[in-house]
Amino acid sequence: MLGHYLKAKVPPKKQLVEFKVSKECLLPVGYMISARHYTPGMYIDVIGKTVGHGFQGTIKRFGFRRQPATHGNSLTTRVLGSTGGRQDPGRVFKQKKMYGRMGGKVDVQRGLPVFKIDV
């Protein structure tokens, strides 16, 4: 990446992004885009990291329901339940919703309108 920056005569940055624009909207190489570049009414995509919730069970992570807490069910009210068949297929299918790390991932919200610019 240093070769790209040296060729463009721009100091190295944290992130290099390319935007597709028309000929009349062309900006010089290395131009810093700030909030002044956007106008109210434009639609933008926002990329950010979601809030991390740590290791969570299936009730909080996917909205599963609890099992009944009566009739001898004393320890398994908040457990996942069945994870698959017996000997056939003899495995847990891929993408099975199970407990694990929740949040802390990069998420994209597309098509959000710009209401106001506060430089």
PDB file of N, CA and C in Angstrom:
ATOM      1  N   MET A   1       0.817  -1.198   0.000  1.00  0.00           N
ATOM      2  CA  MET A   1       0.000   0.000   0.000  1.00  0.00           C
ATOM      3  C   MET A   1       0.862   1.264   0.000  1.00  0.00           C
ATOM      4  N   LEU A   2       2.062   1.170   0.561  1.00  0.00           N
ATOM      5  CA  LEU A   2       2.923   2.348   0.577  1.00  0.00           C
ATOM      6  C   LEU A   2       3.253   2.821  -0.837  1.00  0.00           C
ATOM      7  N   GLY A   3       3.370   1.885  -1.774  1.00  0.00           N
ATOM      8  CA  GLY A   3       3.638   2.252  -3.148  1.00  0.00           C
ATOM      9  C   GLY A   3       2.528   3.090  -3.751  1.00  0.00           C
ATOM     10  N   HIS A   4       1.270   2.788  -3.414  1.00  0.00           N
ATOM     11  CA  HIS A   4       0.140   3.575  -3.911  1.00  0.00           C
ATOM     12  C   HIS A   4       0.212   5.007  -3.387  1.00  0.00           C
ATOM     13  N   TYR A   5       0.536   5.135  -2.094  1.00  0.00           N
ATOM     14  CA  TYR A   5       0.607   6.477  -1.500  1.00  0.00           C
ATOM     15  C   TYR A   5       1.786   7.274  -2.067  1.00  0.00           C
ATOM     16  N   LEU A   6       2.942   6.614  -2.275  1.00  0.00           N
ATOM     17  CA  LEU A   6       4.105   7.308  -2.819  1.00  0.00           C
ATOM     18  C   LEU A   6       3.856   7.772  -4.253  1.00  0.00           C
ATOM     19  N   LYS A   7       3.175   6.944  -5.047  1.00  0.00           N
ATOM     20  CA  LYS A   7       2.889   7.304  -6.426  1.00  0.00           C
ATOM     21  C   LYS A   7       1.944   8.497  -6.513  1.00  0.00           C
ATOM     22  N   ALA A   8       0.977   8.566  -5.580  1.00  0.00           N
ATOM     23  CA  ALA A   8       0.018   9.668  -5.579  1.00  0.00           C
ATOM     24  C   ALA A   8       0.546  10.884  -4.835  1.00  0.00           C
ATOM     25  N   LYS A   9       1.746  10.753  -4.214  1.00  0.00           N
ATOM     26  CA  LYS A   9       2.351  11.844  -3.428  1.00  0.00           C
ATOM     27  C   LYS A   9       1.427  12.295  -2.301  1.00  0.00           C
ATOM     28  N   VAL A  10       0.882  11.289  -1.591  1.00  0.00           N
ATOM     29  CA  VAL A  10      -0.030  11.524  -0.471  1.00  0.00           C
ATOM     30  C   VAL A  10       0.537  10.801   0.745  1.00  0.00           C
ATOM     31  N   PRO A  11       0.516  11.400   1.939  1.00  0.00           N
ATOM     32  CA  PRO A  11       1.001  10.675   3.118  1.00  0.00           C
ATOM     33  C   PRO A  11       0.105   9.473   3.432  1.00  0.00           C
ATOM     34  N   PRO A  12       0.657   8.409   4.003  1.00  0.00           N
ATOM     35  CA  PRO A  12      -0.144   7.212   4.295  1.00  0.00           C
ATOM     36  C   PRO A  12      -1.302   7.516   5.247  1.00  0.00           C
ATOM     37  N   LYS A  13      -2.440   6.936   4.957  1.00  0.00           N
ATOM     38  CA  LYS A  13      -3.657   7.119   5.749  1.00  0.00           C
ATOM     39  C   LYS A  13      -4.057   5.796   6.378  1.00  0.00           C
ATOM     40  N   LYS A  14      -5.030   5.864   7.282  1.00  0.00           N
ATOM     41  CA  LYS A  14      -5.516   4.661   7.947  1.00  0.00           C
ATOM     42  C   LYS A  14      -6.328   3.789   6.994  1.00  0.00           C
ATOM     43  N   GLN A  15      -7.095   4.442   6.113  1.00  0.00           N
ATOM     44  CA  GLN A  15      -7.961   3.700   5.208  1.00  0.00           C
ATOM     45  C   GLN A  15      -7.958   4.364   3.843  1.00  0.00           C
ATOM     46  N   LEU A  16      -7.955   3.559   2.812  1.00  0.00           N
ATOM     47  CA  LEU A  16      -7.987   4.047   1.437  1.00  0.00           C
ATOM     48  C   LEU A  16      -9.327   3.637   0.836  1.00  0.00           C
ATOM     49  N   VAL A  17     -10.108   4.628   0.362  1.00  0.00           N
ATOM     50  CA  VAL A  17     -11.443   4.367  -0.147  1.00  0.00           C
ATOM     51  C   VAL A  17     -11.573   4.999  -1.520  1.00  0.00           C
ATOM     52  N   GLU A  18     -12.274   4.321  -2.412  1.00  0.00           N
ATOM     53  CA  GLU A  18     -12.501   4.827  -3.758  1.00  0.00           C
ATOM     54  C   GLU A  18     -13.997   5.037  -3.955  1.00  0.00           C
ATOM     55  N   PHE A  19     -14.361   6.210  -4.477  1.00  0.00           N
ATOM     56  CA  PHE A  19     -15.756   6.538  -4.748  1.00  0.00           C
ATOM     57  C   PHE A  19     -15.955   6.680  -6.249  1.00  0.00           C
ATOM     58  N   LYS A  20     -17.060   6.129  -6.762  1.00  0.00           N
ATOM     59  CA  LYS A  20     -17.390   6.301  -8.172  1.00  0.00           C
ATOM     60  C   LYS A  20     -18.212   7.575  -8.325  1.00  0.00           C
ATOM     61  N   VAL A  21     -17.700   8.514  -9.122  1.00  0.00           N
ATOM     62  CA  VAL A  21     -18.383   9.791  -9.350  1.00  0.00           C
ATOM     63  C   VAL A  21     -18.368  10.104 -10.834  1.00  0.00           C
ATOM     64  N   SER A  22     -19.177  11.097 -11.224  1.00  0.00           N
ATOM     65  CA  SER A  22     -19.200  11.530 -12.617  1.00  0.00           C
ATOM     66  C   SER A  22     -18.017  12.464 -12.876  1.00  0.00           C
ATOM     67  N   LYS A  23     -17.805  12.824 -14.142  1.00  0.00           N
ATOM     68  CA  LYS A  23     -16.651  13.640 -14.528  1.00  0.00           C
ATOM     69  C   LYS A  23     -16.671  15.016 -13.868  1.00  0.00           C
ATOM     70  N   GLU A  24     -17.852  15.636 -13.730  1.00  0.00           N
ATOM     71  CA  GLU A  24     -17.913  16.983 -13.167  1.00  0.00           C
ATOM     72  C   GLU A  24     -17.746  16.991 -11.647  1.00  0.00           C
ATOM     73  N   CYS A  25     -17.870  15.850 -10.995  1.00  0.00           N
ATOM     74  CA  CYS A  25     -17.705  15.779  -9.535  1.00  0.00           C
ATOM     75  C   CYS A  25     -16.331  15.252  -9.130  1.00  0.00           C
ATOM     76  N   LEU A  26     -15.410  15.148 -10.068  1.00  0.00           N
ATOM     77  CA  LEU A  26     -14.096  14.582  -9.808  1.00  0.00           C
ATOM     78  C   LEU A  26     -13.288  15.469  -8.852  1.00  0.00           C
ATOM     79  N   LEU A  27     -12.682  14.856  -7.846  1.00  0.00           N
ATOM     80  CA  LEU A  27     -11.865  15.558  -6.858  1.00  0.00           C
ATOM     81  C   LEU A  27     -10.400  15.188  -7.065  1.00  0.00           C
ATOM     82  N   PRO A  28      -9.470  16.044  -6.635  1.00  0.00           N
ATOM     83  CA  PRO A  28      -8.054  15.694  -6.773  1.00  0.00           C
ATOM     84  C   PRO A  28      -7.672  14.523  -5.864  1.00  0.00           C
ATOM     85  N   VAL A  29      -6.614  13.808  -6.243  1.00  0.00           N
ATOM     86  CA  VAL A  29      -6.144  12.659  -5.467  1.00  0.00           C
ATOM     87  C   VAL A  29      -5.667  13.137  -4.103  1.00  0.00           C
ATOM     88  N   GLY A  30      -6.072  12.455  -3.058  1.00  0.00           N
ATOM     89  CA  GLY A  30      -5.664  12.815  -1.703  1.00  0.00           C
ATOM     90  C   GLY A  30      -6.565  13.822  -1.032  1.00  0.00           C
ATOM     91  N   TYR A  31      -7.683  14.199  -1.666  1.00  0.00           N
ATOM     92  CA  TYR A  31      -8.598  15.182  -1.099  1.00  0.00           C
ATOM     93  C   TYR A  31      -9.288  14.591   0.125  1.00  0.00           C
ATOM     94  N   MET A  32      -9.301  15.338   1.210  1.00  0.00           N
ATOM     95  CA  MET A  32      -9.939  14.876   2.451  1.00  0.00           C
ATOM     96  C   MET A  32     -11.435  15.187   2.399  1.00  0.00           C
ATOM     97  N   ILE A  33     -12.262  14.161   2.483  1.00  0.00           N
ATOM     98  CA  ILE A  33     -13.710  14.350   2.471  1.00  0.00           C
ATOM     99  C   ILE A  33     -14.174  14.509   3.914  1.00  0.00           C
ATOM    100  N   SER A  34     -14.902  15.595   4.200  1.00  0.00           N
ATOM    101  CA  SER A  34     -15.417  15.847   5.547  1.00  0.00           C
ATOM    102  C   SER A  34     -16.935  15.953   5.484  1.00  0.00           C
ATOM    103  N   ALA A  35     -17.535  16.392   6.566  1.00  0.00           N
ATOM    104  CA  ALA A  35     -18.994  16.528   6.617  1.00  0.00           C
ATOM    105  C   ALA A  35     -19.493  17.602   5.667  1.00  0.00           C
ATOM    106  N   ARG A  36     -18.639  18.573   5.326  1.00  0.00           N
ATOM    107  CA  ARG A  36     -19.040  19.649   4.412  1.00  0.00           C
ATOM    108  C   ARG A  36     -19.327  19.126   2.996  1.00  0.00           C
ATOM    109  N   HIS A  37     -18.809  17.958   2.686  1.00  0.00           N
ATOM    110  CA  HIS A  37     -18.973  17.404   1.344  1.00  0.00           C
ATOM    111  C   HIS A  37     -20.402  16.914   1.091  1.00  0.00           C
ATOM    112  N   TYR A  38     -21.147  16.602   2.152  1.00  0.00           N
ATOM    113  CA  TYR A  38     -22.496  16.050   2.018  1.00  0.00           C
ATOM    114  C   TYR A  38     -23.529  17.159   2.138  1.00  0.00           C
ATOM    115  N   THR A  39     -24.715  16.917   1.580  1.00  0.00           N
ATOM    116  CA  THR A  39     -25.803  17.879   1.653  1.00  0.00           C
ATOM    117  C   THR A  39     -27.043  17.180   2.206  1.00  0.00           C
ATOM    118  N   PRO A  40     -27.916  17.913   2.899  1.00  0.00           N
ATOM    119  CA  PRO A  40     -29.162  17.298   3.377  1.00  0.00           C
ATOM    120  C   PRO A  40     -29.985  16.771   2.209  1.00  0.00           C
ATOM    121  N   GLY A  41     -30.543  15.589   2.409  1.00  0.00           N
ATOM    122  CA  GLY A  41     -31.321  14.936   1.360  1.00  0.00           C
ATOM    123  C   GLY A  41     -30.571  13.810   0.673  1.00  0.00           C
ATOM    124  N   MET A  42     -29.243  13.762   0.843  1.00  0.00           N
ATOM    125  CA  MET A  42     -28.462  12.672   0.253  1.00  0.00           C
ATOM    126  C   MET A  42     -28.715  11.382   1.028  1.00  0.00           C
ATOM    127  N   TYR A  43     -28.495  10.265   0.371  1.00  0.00           N
ATOM    128  CA  TYR A  43     -28.582   8.961   1.018  1.00  0.00           C
ATOM    129  C   TYR A  43     -27.179   8.382   1.120  1.00  0.00           C
ATOM    130  N   ILE A  44     -26.802   7.913   2.310  1.00  0.00           N
ATOM    131  CA  ILE A  44     -25.457   7.397   2.547  1.00  0.00           C
ATOM    132  C   ILE A  44     -25.535   6.032   3.207  1.00  0.00           C
ATOM    133  N   ASP A  45     -24.433   5.320   3.147  1.00  0.00           N
ATOM    134  CA  ASP A  45     -24.280   4.045   3.854  1.00  0.00           C
ATOM    135  C   ASP A  45     -23.378   4.282   5.054  1.00  0.00           C
ATOM    136  N   VAL A  46     -23.798   3.816   6.223  1.00  0.00           N
ATOM    137  CA  VAL A  46     -23.040   4.006   7.455  1.00  0.00           C
ATOM    138  C   VAL A  46     -22.495   2.655   7.898  1.00  0.00           C
ATOM    139  N   ILE A  47     -21.170   2.591   8.131  1.00  0.00           N
ATOM    140  CA  ILE A  47     -20.518   1.370   8.566  1.00  0.00           C
ATOM    141  C   ILE A  47     -19.994   1.600   9.971  1.00  0.00           C
ATOM    142  N   GLY A  48     -20.266   0.653  10.882  1.00  0.00           N
ATOM    143  CA  GLY A  48     -19.795   0.784  12.253  1.00  0.00           C
ATOM    144  C   GLY A  48     -19.763  -0.560  12.941  1.00  0.00           C
ATOM    145  N   LYS A  49     -19.234  -0.576  14.144  1.00  0.00           N
ATOM    146  CA  LYS A  49     -19.136  -1.789  14.930  1.00  0.00           C
ATOM    147  C   LYS A  49     -20.284  -1.841  15.924  1.00  0.00           C
ATOM    148  N   THR A  50     -20.977  -2.979  15.995  1.00  0.00           N
ATOM    149  CA  THR A  50     -22.114  -3.115  16.895  1.00  0.00           C
ATOM    150  C   THR A  50     -21.639  -3.279  18.332  1.00  0.00           C
ATOM    151  N   VAL A  51     -22.544  -3.057  19.269  1.00  0.00           N
ATOM    152  CA  VAL A  51     -22.235  -3.182  20.692  1.00  0.00           C
ATOM    153  C   VAL A  51     -22.032  -4.659  21.022  1.00  0.00           C
ATOM    154  N   GLY A  52     -20.947  -4.984  21.705  1.00  0.00           N
ATOM    155  CA  GLY A  52     -20.682  -6.361  22.086  1.00  0.00           C
ATOM    156  C   GLY A  52     -21.437  -6.740  23.350  1.00  0.00           C
ATOM    157  N   HIS A  53     -22.039  -7.914  23.355  1.00  0.00           N
ATOM    158  CA  HIS A  53     -22.794  -8.394  24.511  1.00  0.00           C
ATOM    159  C   HIS A  53     -22.135  -9.604  25.164  1.00  0.00           C
ATOM    160  N   GLY A  54     -20.995 -10.042  24.633  1.00  0.00           N
ATOM    161  CA  GLY A  54     -20.312 -11.184  25.224  1.00  0.00           C
ATOM    162  C   GLY A  54     -20.963 -12.500  24.838  1.00  0.00           C
ATOM    163  N   PHE A  55     -20.725 -13.520  25.664  1.00  0.00           N
ATOM    164  CA  PHE A  55     -21.255 -14.859  25.401  1.00  0.00           C
ATOM    165  C   PHE A  55     -22.689 -14.924  25.901  1.00  0.00           C
ATOM    166  N   GLN A  56     -23.649 -15.168  24.996  1.00  0.00           N
ATOM    167  CA  GLN A  56     -25.061 -15.167  25.358  1.00  0.00           C
ATOM    168  C   GLN A  56     -25.723 -16.466  24.934  1.00  0.00           C
ATOM    169  N   GLY A  57     -26.812 -16.771  25.608  1.00  0.00           N
ATOM    170  CA  GLY A  57     -27.600 -17.951  25.274  1.00  0.00           C
ATOM    171  C   GLY A  57     -28.545 -17.670  24.121  1.00  0.00           C
ATOM    172  N   THR A  58     -29.310 -18.691  23.753  1.00  0.00           N
ATOM    173  CA  THR A  58     -30.164 -18.581  22.575  1.00  0.00           C
ATOM    174  C   THR A  58     -31.389 -17.708  22.826  1.00  0.00           C
ATOM    175  N   ILE A  59     -31.820 -17.562  24.078  1.00  0.00           N
ATOM    176  CA  ILE A  59     -32.994 -16.732  24.364  1.00  0.00           C
ATOM    177  C   ILE A  59     -32.680 -15.273  24.071  1.00  0.00           C
ATOM    178  N   LYS A  60     -31.550 -14.777  24.562  1.00  0.00           N
ATOM    179  CA  LYS A  60     -31.184 -13.383  24.331  1.00  0.00           C
ATOM    180  C   LYS A  60     -30.643 -13.182  22.921  1.00  0.00           C
ATOM    181  N   ARG A  61     -29.913 -14.143  22.403  1.00  0.00           N
ATOM    182  CA  ARG A  61     -29.241 -13.974  21.111  1.00  0.00           C
ATOM    183  C   ARG A  61     -30.198 -14.053  19.935  1.00  0.00           C
ATOM    184  N   PHE A  62     -31.166 -14.973  19.964  1.00  0.00           N
ATOM    185  CA  PHE A  62     -32.062 -15.186  18.836  1.00  0.00           C
ATOM    186  C   PHE A  62     -33.531 -15.025  19.171  1.00  0.00           C
ATOM    187  N   GLY A  63     -33.865 -14.775  20.452  1.00  0.00           N
ATOM    188  CA  GLY A  63     -35.264 -14.603  20.824  1.00  0.00           C
ATOM    189  C   GLY A  63     -36.007 -15.914  20.985  1.00  0.00           C
ATOM    190  N   PHE A  64     -35.303 -17.004  21.258  1.00  0.00           N
ATOM    191  CA  PHE A  64     -35.980 -18.275  21.495  1.00  0.00           C
ATOM    192  C   PHE A  64     -36.834 -18.178  22.756  1.00  0.00           C
ATOM    193  N   ARG A  65     -37.845 -19.055  22.879  1.00  0.00           N
ATOM    194  CA  ARG A  65     -38.689 -19.075  24.069  1.00  0.00           C
ATOM    195  C   ARG A  65     -38.149 -20.062  25.096  1.00  0.00           C
ATOM    196  N   ARG A  66     -38.527 -19.815  26.348  1.00  0.00           N
ATOM    197  CA  ARG A  66     -38.130 -20.738  27.414  1.00  0.00           C
ATOM    198  C   ARG A  66     -38.986 -22.008  27.359  1.00  0.00           C
ATOM    199  N   GLN A  67     -38.474 -23.058  27.974  1.00  0.00           N
ATOM    200  CA  GLN A  67     -39.264 -24.272  28.136  1.00  0.00           C
ATOM    201  C   GLN A  67     -40.099 -24.136  29.398  1.00  0.00           C
ATOM    202  N   PRO A  68     -41.158 -24.941  29.548  1.00  0.00           N
ATOM    203  CA  PRO A  68     -41.990 -24.809  30.742  1.00  0.00           C
ATOM    204  C   PRO A  68     -41.191 -25.083  32.021  1.00  0.00           C
ATOM    205  N   ALA A  69     -41.507 -24.351  33.081  1.00  0.00           N
ATOM    206  CA  ALA A  69     -40.779 -24.468  34.347  1.00  0.00           C
ATOM    207  C   ALA A  69     -41.506 -25.371  35.333  1.00  0.00           C
ATOM    208  N   THR A  70     -42.439 -26.189  34.862  1.00  0.00           N
ATOM    209  CA  THR A  70     -43.206 -27.073  35.753  1.00  0.00           C
ATOM    210  C   THR A  70     -43.100 -28.511  35.274  1.00  0.00           C
ATOM    211  N   HIS A  71     -43.747 -29.401  35.973  1.00  0.00           N
ATOM    212  CA  HIS A  71     -43.841 -30.826  35.644  1.00  0.00           C
ATOM    213  C   HIS A  71     -42.480 -31.483  35.514  1.00  0.00           C
ATOM    214  N   GLY A  72     -41.627 -31.250  36.498  1.00  0.00           N
ATOM    215  CA  GLY A  72     -40.347 -31.936  36.559  1.00  0.00           C
ATOM    216  C   GLY A  72     -39.226 -31.283  35.787  1.00  0.00           C
ATOM    217  N   ASN A  73     -39.495 -30.211  35.083  1.00  0.00           N
ATOM    218  CA  ASN A  73     -38.453 -29.521  34.314  1.00  0.00           C
ATOM    219  C   ASN A  73     -37.823 -28.472  35.229  1.00  0.00           C
ATOM    220  N   SER A  74     -36.760 -28.854  35.929  1.00  0.00           N
ATOM    221  CA  SER A  74     -36.216 -27.950  36.932  1.00  0.00           C
ATOM    222  C   SER A  74     -34.933 -27.251  36.490  1.00  0.00           C
ATOM    223  N   LEU A  75     -34.123 -27.871  35.652  1.00  0.00           N
ATOM    224  CA  LEU A  75     -32.826 -27.310  35.308  1.00  0.00           C
ATOM    225  C   LEU A  75     -32.699 -26.891  33.851  1.00  0.00           C
ATOM    226  N   THR A  76     -33.695 -27.180  33.048  1.00  0.00           N
ATOM    227  CA  THR A  76     -33.537 -26.966  31.611  1.00  0.00           C
ATOM    228  C   THR A  76     -34.564 -25.988  31.057  1.00  0.00           C
ATOM    229  N   THR A  77     -34.881 -24.932  31.803  1.00  0.00           N
ATOM    230  CA  THR A  77     -35.889 -23.995  31.313  1.00  0.00           C
ATOM    231  C   THR A  77     -35.314 -23.016  30.293  1.00  0.00           C
ATOM    232  N   ARG A  78     -34.009 -22.701  30.385  1.00  0.00           N
ATOM    233  CA  ARG A  78     -33.406 -21.727  29.465  1.00  0.00           C
ATOM    234  C   ARG A  78     -32.386 -22.365  28.526  1.00  0.00           C
ATOM    235  N   VAL A  79     -32.485 -23.652  28.294  1.00  0.00           N
ATOM    236  CA  VAL A  79     -31.531 -24.319  27.412  1.00  0.00           C
ATOM    237  C   VAL A  79     -32.034 -24.292  25.976  1.00  0.00           C
ATOM    238  N   LEU A  80     -31.165 -24.654  25.052  1.00  0.00           N
ATOM    239  CA  LEU A  80     -31.443 -24.599  23.628  1.00  0.00           C
ATOM    240  C   LEU A  80     -32.557 -25.554  23.208  1.00  0.00           C
ATOM    241  N   GLY A  81     -32.546 -26.758  23.715  1.00  0.00           N
ATOM    242  CA  GLY A  81     -33.494 -27.779  23.268  1.00  0.00           C
ATOM    243  C   GLY A  81     -32.790 -28.757  22.356  1.00  0.00           C
ATOM    244  N   SER A  82     -33.494 -29.287  21.398  1.00  0.00           N
ATOM    245  CA  SER A  82     -32.928 -30.272  20.491  1.00  0.00           C
ATOM    246  C   SER A  82     -32.009 -29.602  19.476  1.00  0.00           C
ATOM    247  N   THR A  83     -30.906 -30.276  19.144  1.00  0.00           N
ATOM    248  CA  THR A  83     -29.976 -29.737  18.154  1.00  0.00           C
ATOM    249  C   THR A  83     -29.954 -30.558  16.871  1.00  0.00           C
ATOM    250  N   GLY A  84     -30.697 -31.617  16.803  1.00  0.00           N
ATOM    251  CA  GLY A  84     -30.714 -32.401  15.575  1.00  0.00           C
ATOM    252  C   GLY A  84     -31.301 -33.778  15.798  1.00  0.00           C
ATOM    253  N   GLY A  85     -31.140 -34.631  14.784  1.00  0.00           N
ATOM    254  CA  GLY A  85     -31.682 -35.973  14.843  1.00  0.00           C
ATOM    255  C   GLY A  85     -30.804 -36.921  15.642  1.00  0.00           C
ATOM    256  N   ARG A  86     -31.073 -38.214  15.512  1.00  0.00           N
ATOM    257  CA  ARG A  86     -30.299 -39.211  16.249  1.00  0.00           C
ATOM    258  C   ARG A  86     -29.200 -39.751  15.341  1.00  0.00           C
ATOM    259  N   GLN A  87     -29.309 -41.023  14.965  1.00  0.00           N
ATOM    260  CA  GLN A  87     -28.258 -41.617  14.139  1.00  0.00           C
ATOM    261  C   GLN A  87     -28.292 -41.074  12.707  1.00  0.00           C
ATOM    262  N   ASP A  88     -29.482 -40.712  12.260  1.00  0.00           N
ATOM    263  CA  ASP A  88     -29.599 -40.144  10.926  1.00  0.00           C
ATOM    264  C   ASP A  88     -30.076 -38.714  11.069  1.00  0.00           C
ATOM    265  N   PRO A  89     -29.362 -37.679  10.788  1.00  0.00           N
ATOM    266  CA  PRO A  89     -28.115 -37.584  10.055  1.00  0.00           C
ATOM    267  C   PRO A  89     -26.869 -37.784  10.908  1.00  0.00           C
ATOM    268  N   GLY A  90     -26.974 -37.854  12.230  1.00  0.00           N
ATOM    269  CA  GLY A  90     -25.813 -38.120  13.072  1.00  0.00           C
ATOM    270  C   GLY A  90     -24.880 -36.938  13.226  1.00  0.00           C
ATOM    271  N   ARG A  91     -25.378 -35.739  12.999  1.00  0.00           N
ATOM    272  CA  ARG A  91     -24.562 -34.532  13.141  1.00  0.00           C
ATOM    273  C   ARG A  91     -25.496 -33.343  13.343  1.00  0.00           C
ATOM    274  N   VAL A  92     -24.920 -32.205  13.654  1.00  0.00           N
ATOM    275  CA  VAL A  92     -25.679 -30.962  13.773  1.00  0.00           C
ATOM    276  C   VAL A  92     -25.515 -30.210  12.463  1.00  0.00           C
ATOM    277  N   PHE A  93     -26.612 -29.776  11.878  1.00  0.00           N
ATOM    278  CA  PHE A  93     -26.554 -29.059  10.600  1.00  0.00           C
ATOM    279  C   PHE A  93     -25.829 -27.736  10.753  1.00  0.00           C
ATOM    280  N   LYS A  94     -25.166 -27.308   9.688  1.00  0.00           N
ATOM    281  CA  LYS A  94     -24.483 -26.019   9.695  1.00  0.00           C
ATOM    282  C   LYS A  94     -25.505 -24.900   9.819  1.00  0.00           C
ATOM    283  N   GLN A  95     -25.059 -23.758  10.363  1.00  0.00           N
ATOM    284  CA  GLN A  95     -25.873 -22.570  10.592  1.00  0.00           C
ATOM    285  C   GLN A  95     -26.972 -22.788  11.632  1.00  0.00           C
ATOM    286  N   LYS A  96     -26.846 -23.829  12.456  1.00  0.00           N
ATOM    287  CA  LYS A  96     -27.794 -24.044  13.552  1.00  0.00           C
ATOM    288  C   LYS A  96     -27.631 -22.920  14.553  1.00  0.00           C
ATOM    289  N   LYS A  97     -28.716 -22.303  14.955  1.00  0.00           N
ATOM    290  CA  LYS A  97     -28.657 -21.196  15.904  1.00  0.00           C
ATOM    291  C   LYS A  97     -28.376 -21.753  17.294  1.00  0.00           C
ATOM    292  N   MET A  98     -27.183 -21.444  17.793  1.00  0.00           N
ATOM    293  CA  MET A  98     -26.768 -21.926  19.104  1.00  0.00           C
ATOM    294  C   MET A  98     -26.202 -20.759  19.904  1.00  0.00           C
ATOM    295  N   TYR A  99     -25.878 -20.999  21.161  1.00  0.00           N
ATOM    296  CA  TYR A  99     -25.308 -19.975  22.029  1.00  0.00           C
ATOM    297  C   TYR A  99     -23.912 -19.619  21.550  1.00  0.00           C
ATOM    298  N   GLY A 100     -23.464 -18.393  21.874  1.00  0.00           N
ATOM    299  CA  GLY A 100     -22.141 -17.952  21.456  1.00  0.00           C
ATOM    300  C   GLY A 100     -21.984 -16.454  21.623  1.00  0.00           C
ATOM    301  N   ARG A 101     -20.945 -15.903  20.983  1.00  0.00           N
ATOM    302  CA  ARG A 101     -20.650 -14.481  21.096  1.00  0.00           C
ATOM    303  C   ARG A 101     -21.712 -13.663  20.367  1.00  0.00           C
ATOM    304  N   MET A 102     -22.172 -12.613  21.020  1.00  0.00           N
ATOM    305  CA  MET A 102     -23.227 -11.779  20.457  1.00  0.00           C
ATOM    306  C   MET A 102     -22.704 -10.355  20.288  1.00  0.00           C
ATOM    307  N   GLY A 103     -22.877  -9.794  19.100  1.00  0.00           N
ATOM    308  CA  GLY A 103     -22.473  -8.415  18.840  1.00  0.00           C
ATOM    309  C   GLY A 103     -20.988  -8.305  18.591  1.00  0.00           C
ATOM    310  N   GLY A 104     -20.510  -7.053  18.581  1.00  0.00           N
ATOM    311  CA  GLY A 104     -19.089  -6.800  18.347  1.00  0.00           C
ATOM    312  C   GLY A 104     -18.666  -7.074  16.924  1.00  0.00           C
ATOM    313  N   LYS A 105     -19.586  -6.969  15.975  1.00  0.00           N
ATOM    314  CA  LYS A 105     -19.274  -7.217  14.571  1.00  0.00           C
ATOM    315  C   LYS A 105     -19.476  -5.945  13.765  1.00  0.00           C
ATOM    316  N   VAL A 106     -18.910  -5.893  12.579  1.00  0.00           N
ATOM    317  CA  VAL A 106     -19.086  -4.753  11.694  1.00  0.00           C
ATOM    318  C   VAL A 106     -20.438  -4.894  11.004  1.00  0.00           C
ATOM    319  N   ASP A 107     -21.238  -3.828  11.050  1.00  0.00           N
ATOM    320  CA  ASP A 107     -22.568  -3.843  10.462  1.00  0.00           C
ATOM    321  C   ASP A 107     -22.709  -2.636   9.541  1.00  0.00           C
ATOM    322  N   VAL A 108     -23.522  -2.774   8.494  1.00  0.00           N
ATOM    323  CA  VAL A 108     -23.733  -1.708   7.516  1.00  0.00           C
ATOM    324  C   VAL A 108     -25.218  -1.370   7.485  1.00  0.00           C
ATOM    325  N   GLN A 109     -25.533  -0.086   7.635  1.00  0.00           N
ATOM    326  CA  GLN A 109     -26.891   0.417   7.449  1.00  0.00           C
ATOM    327  C   GLN A 109     -26.895   1.180   6.130  1.00  0.00           C
ATOM    328  N   ARG A 110     -27.633   0.693   5.162  1.00  0.00           N
ATOM    329  CA  ARG A 110     -27.606   1.273   3.826  1.00  0.00           C
ATOM    330  C   ARG A 110     -28.802   2.199   3.603  1.00  0.00           C
ATOM    331  N   GLY A 111     -28.561   3.251   2.837  1.00  0.00           N
ATOM    332  CA  GLY A 111     -29.636   4.142   2.429  1.00  0.00           C
ATOM    333  C   GLY A 111     -30.193   5.025   3.525  1.00  0.00           C
ATOM    334  N   LEU A 112     -29.347   5.517   4.424  1.00  0.00           N
ATOM    335  CA  LEU A 112     -29.827   6.417   5.467  1.00  0.00           C
ATOM    336  C   LEU A 112     -29.801   7.846   4.939  1.00  0.00           C
ATOM    337  N   PRO A 113     -30.896   8.601   5.137  1.00  0.00           N
ATOM    338  CA  PRO A 113     -30.910   9.981   4.629  1.00  0.00           C
ATOM    339  C   PRO A 113     -30.121  10.922   5.542  1.00  0.00           C
ATOM    340  N   VAL A 114     -29.499  11.938   4.940  1.00  0.00           N
ATOM    341  CA  VAL A 114     -28.802  12.969   5.691  1.00  0.00           C
ATOM    342  C   VAL A 114     -29.820  14.073   5.974  1.00  0.00           C
ATOM    343  N   PHE A 115     -30.090  14.356   7.269  1.00  0.00           N
ATOM    344  CA  PHE A 115     -31.060  15.372   7.632  1.00  0.00           C
ATOM    345  C   PHE A 115     -30.410  16.735   7.846  1.00  0.00           C
ATOM    346  N   LYS A 116     -29.253  16.744   8.526  1.00  0.00           N
ATOM    347  CA  LYS A 116     -28.641  18.006   8.897  1.00  0.00           C
ATOM    348  C   LYS A 116     -27.133  17.802   8.943  1.00  0.00           C
ATOM    349  N   ILE A 117     -26.389  18.829   8.581  1.00  0.00           N
ATOM    350  CA  ILE A 117     -24.922  18.789   8.635  1.00  0.00           C
ATOM    351  C   ILE A 117     -24.473  19.666   9.780  1.00  0.00           C
ATOM    352  N   ASP A 118     -23.713  19.082  10.719  1.00  0.00           N
ATOM    353  CA  ASP A 118     -23.161  19.820  11.842  1.00  0.00           C
ATOM    354  C   ASP A 118     -21.641  19.656  11.799  1.00  0.00           C
ATOM    355  N   VAL A 119     -20.956  20.626  11.189  1.00  0.00           N
ATOM    356  CA  VAL A 119     -19.512  20.522  11.016  1.00  0.00           C
ATOM    357  C   VAL A 119     -18.824  20.658  12.361  1.00  0.00           C
TER     358      VAL A 119
END
